[in-house]
Amino acid sequence: MNEIKFRGKTKCGKWIYGDLIRLPKNINMCHIEPPSAEMNTAICDISNPMRSPVYVLPETVGQFTGRKDKNGKEVYKNINPCKKKD
């Protein structure tokens, strides 16, 4: 069975890996909740270091495909699950 996980890039350019969270009030915003061990290194906003989940740019969100490339890096398929539906 494939592991279900996502990645997205923060506004400061750092990739965040974890569970995808879509908050109902923020229809056009995506958030990734990294494992708690990675939380402190995931945050760009030092003024709020315990913020969880972490906002990521919707156009950068990708889902893990379950495959790795020839170099052993995980392959992600770009998706935009946070786009407002018409």
Protein backbone atom coordinates (compact mmCIF):
# COMPACT_ATOMS: atom_id res chain seq x y z
CA MET A 1 0.00 0.00 0.00
CA ASN A 2 1.25 3.49 -0.88
CA GLU A 3 2.01 5.97 1.85
CA ILE A 4 -0.30 8.99 1.53
CA LYS A 5 1.64 12.19 2.06
CA PHE A 6 1.98 15.59 0.54
CA ARG A 7 4.50 18.36 0.12
CA GLY A 8 4.24 22.07 -0.46
CA LYS A 9 6.56 25.05 -0.48
CA THR A 10 6.31 27.83 2.10
CA LYS A 11 6.45 31.50 1.17
CA CYS A 12 10.11 31.52 2.22
CA GLY A 13 10.92 28.64 -0.19
CA LYS A 14 11.19 25.69 2.21
CA TRP A 15 9.58 22.36 1.28
CA ILE A 16 7.22 20.98 3.95
CA TYR A 17 6.21 17.30 3.98
CA GLY A 18 3.23 15.83 5.82
CA ASP A 19 -0.56 15.68 5.84
CA LEU A 20 -2.60 18.03 3.67
CA ILE A 21 -5.02 20.21 5.62
CA ARG A 22 -7.67 22.29 3.91
CA LEU A 23 -9.32 24.68 6.31
CA PRO A 24 -12.98 25.44 5.49
CA LYS A 25 -12.70 29.19 6.13
CA ASN A 26 -9.69 29.53 3.82
CA ILE A 27 -10.99 28.02 0.61
CA ASN A 28 -8.00 29.09 -1.50
CA MET A 29 -5.34 28.25 1.08
CA CYS A 30 -3.48 24.97 1.62
CA HIS A 31 -1.72 23.89 4.77
CA ILE A 32 0.63 20.98 5.44
CA GLU A 33 0.93 19.54 8.92
CA PRO A 34 4.42 18.08 9.27
CA PRO A 35 5.22 15.37 11.82
CA SER A 36 5.77 16.99 15.23
CA ALA A 37 9.50 16.19 15.13
CA GLU A 38 9.85 18.43 12.05
CA MET A 39 7.60 21.25 13.25
CA ASN A 40 10.27 23.64 14.53
CA THR A 41 12.34 23.41 11.34
CA ALA A 42 9.25 23.88 9.14
CA ILE A 43 8.33 27.34 10.31
CA CYS A 44 9.39 30.50 8.47
CA ASP A 45 7.58 32.80 10.85
CA ILE A 46 9.78 32.92 13.95
CA SER A 47 7.24 35.15 15.72
CA ASN A 48 4.82 32.21 15.89
CA PRO A 49 7.06 29.10 16.23
CA MET A 50 4.33 26.67 17.33
CA ARG A 51 1.99 27.38 14.42
CA SER A 52 0.46 24.24 13.02
CA PRO A 53 -0.47 23.51 10.29
CA VAL A 54 1.93 25.42 8.04
CA TYR A 55 0.61 27.52 5.12
CA VAL A 56 2.05 26.46 1.76
CA LEU A 57 1.64 27.96 -1.69
CA PRO A 58 -1.28 26.09 -3.34
CA GLU A 59 0.45 25.89 -6.74
CA THR A 60 3.35 23.94 -5.15
CA VAL A 61 1.28 21.19 -3.50
CA GLY A 62 2.08 17.67 -4.66
CA GLN A 63 1.04 14.19 -3.60
CA PHE A 64 3.55 11.35 -3.16
CA THR A 65 3.16 8.83 -5.99
CA GLY A 66 4.67 5.91 -4.07
CA ARG A 67 7.62 5.83 -6.46
CA LYS A 68 11.22 6.99 -6.30
CA ASP A 69 13.42 8.27 -9.10
CA LYS A 70 16.73 6.72 -10.18
CA ASN A 71 18.48 8.66 -7.40
CA GLY A 72 16.14 7.33 -4.71
CA LYS A 73 14.23 10.62 -4.27
CA GLU A 74 10.48 10.47 -3.75
CA VAL A 75 8.34 11.46 -6.75
CA TYR A 76 5.42 13.85 -6.20
CA LYS A 77 2.59 14.63 -8.62
CA ASN A 78 1.62 18.31 -8.68
CA ILE A 79 -1.99 18.85 -7.73
CA ASN A 80 -3.96 21.88 -6.59
CA PRO A 81 -6.54 20.56 -4.15
CA CYS A 82 -7.03 23.98 -2.61
CA LYS A 83 -8.33 25.67 -5.75
CA LYS A 84 -11.77 27.16 -5.30
CA LYS A 85 -14.41 25.04 -7.02
CA ASP A 86 -16.86 26.81 -9.28
